[in-house]
Amino acid sequence: MDGFYINFYFKNIEYDDGFYGGVFSSPDSDVYCEFLYDRETKAFIDIWNNSKPIDEIMSIPIWWLDKKLEENGELRKNESKISV
């Protein structure tokens, strides 16, 4: 479900036309993982070093990375969404 995480961080982001990779964390939810995501198929290729079972963290907001990339034309190495 999109919007599950209120505050989150993407770190060490690497991407190209086909993939996103990096670290996702949401300290409020005690979630941490490294991931590789296929942008063409819109599916995770792998998730590892995860703090919770994968099925409990699958609402990773990749849509937000897509939105930031579209808005800014690029992604920084670290991106975050913090709600006040």
C-alpha atoms as a PDB file:
ATOM      1  CA  MET A   1       0.000   0.000   0.000  1.00  0.00           C
ATOM      2  CA  ASP A   2       1.447   3.360  -1.036  1.00  0.00           C
ATOM      3  CA  GLY A   3       1.796   5.956   1.681  1.00  0.00           C
ATOM      4  CA  PHE A   4       2.436   3.453   4.489  1.00  0.00           C
ATOM      5  CA  TYR A   5       5.714   5.150   5.451  1.00  0.00           C
ATOM      6  CA  ILE A   6       5.497   8.748   6.675  1.00  0.00           C
ATOM      7  CA  ASN A   7       9.207   9.488   7.142  1.00  0.00           C
ATOM      8  CA  PHE A   8      11.769   7.619   5.074  1.00  0.00           C
ATOM      9  CA  TYR A   9      15.224   7.757   3.574  1.00  0.00           C
ATOM     10  CA  PHE A  10      16.798   6.391   0.411  1.00  0.00           C
ATOM     11  CA  LYS A  11      20.591   6.301   0.711  1.00  0.00           C
ATOM     12  CA  ASN A  12      23.427   5.367  -1.627  1.00  0.00           C
ATOM     13  CA  ILE A  13      21.026   5.575  -4.551  1.00  0.00           C
ATOM     14  CA  GLU A  14      22.295   4.261  -7.844  1.00  0.00           C
ATOM     15  CA  TYR A  15      20.075   4.238 -10.899  1.00  0.00           C
ATOM     16  CA  ASP A  16      19.858   4.127 -14.650  1.00  0.00           C
ATOM     17  CA  ASP A  17      17.010   3.708 -17.127  1.00  0.00           C
ATOM     18  CA  GLY A  18      16.447   0.141 -15.968  1.00  0.00           C
ATOM     19  CA  PHE A  19      17.124  -0.034 -12.249  1.00  0.00           C
ATOM     20  CA  TYR A  20      17.151   1.618  -8.837  1.00  0.00           C
ATOM     21  CA  GLY A  21      19.441   0.330  -6.133  1.00  0.00           C
ATOM     22  CA  GLY A  22      20.334   1.491  -2.663  1.00  0.00           C
ATOM     23  CA  VAL A  23      19.289   1.478   0.965  1.00  0.00           C
ATOM     24  CA  PHE A  24      15.792   2.204   2.240  1.00  0.00           C
ATOM     25  CA  SER A  25      15.057   3.041   5.856  1.00  0.00           C
ATOM     26  CA  SER A  26      12.139   4.251   7.901  1.00  0.00           C
ATOM     27  CA  PRO A  27      13.254   4.620  11.525  1.00  0.00           C
ATOM     28  CA  ASP A  28       9.666   5.326  12.693  1.00  0.00           C
ATOM     29  CA  SER A  29       8.687   1.872  11.434  1.00  0.00           C
ATOM     30  CA  ASP A  30      11.971   0.177  12.376  1.00  0.00           C
ATOM     31  CA  VAL A  31      12.501  -0.774   8.728  1.00  0.00           C
ATOM     32  CA  TYR A  32      15.856  -1.043   6.991  1.00  0.00           C
ATOM     33  CA  CYS A  33      16.865  -2.885   3.835  1.00  0.00           C
ATOM     34  CA  GLU A  34      19.038  -2.815   0.775  1.00  0.00           C
ATOM     35  CA  PHE A  35      17.281  -3.290  -2.544  1.00  0.00           C
ATOM     36  CA  LEU A  36      17.540  -3.641  -6.291  1.00  0.00           C
ATOM     37  CA  TYR A  37      14.431  -2.670  -8.254  1.00  0.00           C
ATOM     38  CA  ASP A  38      13.670  -3.176 -11.953  1.00  0.00           C
ATOM     39  CA  ARG A  39      12.084   0.040 -13.247  1.00  0.00           C
ATOM     40  CA  GLU A  40      10.810  -1.607 -16.433  1.00  0.00           C
ATOM     41  CA  THR A  41       8.921  -4.487 -14.801  1.00  0.00           C
ATOM     42  CA  LYS A  42       8.171  -2.437 -11.655  1.00  0.00           C
ATOM     43  CA  ALA A  43       9.304  -5.298  -9.441  1.00  0.00           C
ATOM     44  CA  PHE A  44      11.974  -5.831  -6.823  1.00  0.00           C
ATOM     45  CA  ILE A  45      14.772  -8.072  -8.035  1.00  0.00           C
ATOM     46  CA  ASP A  46      16.245  -8.503  -4.581  1.00  0.00           C
ATOM     47  CA  ILE A  47      15.920  -7.220  -1.012  1.00  0.00           C
ATOM     48  CA  TRP A  48      18.591  -8.071   1.557  1.00  0.00           C
ATOM     49  CA  ASN A  49      19.938  -6.985   4.943  1.00  0.00           C
ATOM     50  CA  ASN A  50      16.314  -6.382   5.911  1.00  0.00           C
ATOM     51  CA  SER A  51      15.247  -5.616   9.472  1.00  0.00           C
ATOM     52  CA  LYS A  52      11.824  -7.245   9.027  1.00  0.00           C
ATOM     53  CA  PRO A  53      10.393  -9.996   6.822  1.00  0.00           C
ATOM     54  CA  ILE A  54      10.106  -8.853   3.212  1.00  0.00           C
ATOM     55  CA  ASP A  55       6.313  -9.194   3.121  1.00  0.00           C
ATOM     56  CA  GLU A  56       6.103  -6.685   6.005  1.00  0.00           C
ATOM     57  CA  ILE A  57       8.185  -4.036   4.222  1.00  0.00           C
ATOM     58  CA  MET A  58       6.994  -4.389   0.631  1.00  0.00           C
ATOM     59  CA  SER A  59       5.292  -1.011   0.563  1.00  0.00           C
ATOM     60  CA  ILE A  60       8.682   0.604  -0.094  1.00  0.00           C
ATOM     61  CA  PRO A  61       7.680   3.861  -1.833  1.00  0.00           C
ATOM     62  CA  ILE A  62       9.508   3.460  -5.126  1.00  0.00           C
ATOM     63  CA  TRP A  63       6.787   5.676  -6.650  1.00  0.00           C
ATOM     64  CA  TRP A  64       8.316   8.524  -4.637  1.00  0.00           C
ATOM     65  CA  LEU A  65      11.721   8.022  -6.313  1.00  0.00           C
ATOM     66  CA  ASP A  66       9.962   8.111  -9.693  1.00  0.00           C
ATOM     67  CA  LYS A  67       8.267  11.360  -8.685  1.00  0.00           C
ATOM     68  CA  LYS A  68      11.521  12.987  -7.483  1.00  0.00           C
ATOM     69  CA  LEU A  69      13.334  11.910 -10.644  1.00  0.00           C
ATOM     70  CA  GLU A  70      10.575  13.347 -12.832  1.00  0.00           C
ATOM     71  CA  GLU A  71      10.453  16.638 -10.862  1.00  0.00           C
ATOM     72  CA  ASN A  72      14.226  17.201 -10.645  1.00  0.00           C
ATOM     73  CA  GLY A  73      15.578  15.367 -13.683  1.00  0.00           C
ATOM     74  CA  GLU A  74      17.974  13.456 -11.432  1.00  0.00           C
ATOM     75  CA  LEU A  75      18.266  11.857  -8.021  1.00  0.00           C
ATOM     76  CA  ARG A  76      20.838  12.805  -5.423  1.00  0.00           C
ATOM     77  CA  LYS A  77      22.868  10.059  -3.753  1.00  0.00           C
ATOM     78  CA  ASN A  78      20.595  10.458  -0.685  1.00  0.00           C
ATOM     79  CA  GLU A  79      16.941  11.461  -0.816  1.00  0.00           C
ATOM     80  CA  SER A  80      14.480  11.665   2.065  1.00  0.00           C
ATOM     81  CA  LYS A  81      10.897  12.529   2.866  1.00  0.00           C
ATOM     82  CA  ILE A  82      10.359  13.905   6.347  1.00  0.00           C
ATOM     83  CA  SER A  83       6.910  15.065   7.422  1.00  0.00           C
ATOM     84  CA  VAL A  84       6.579  17.697  10.091  1.00  0.00           C
END
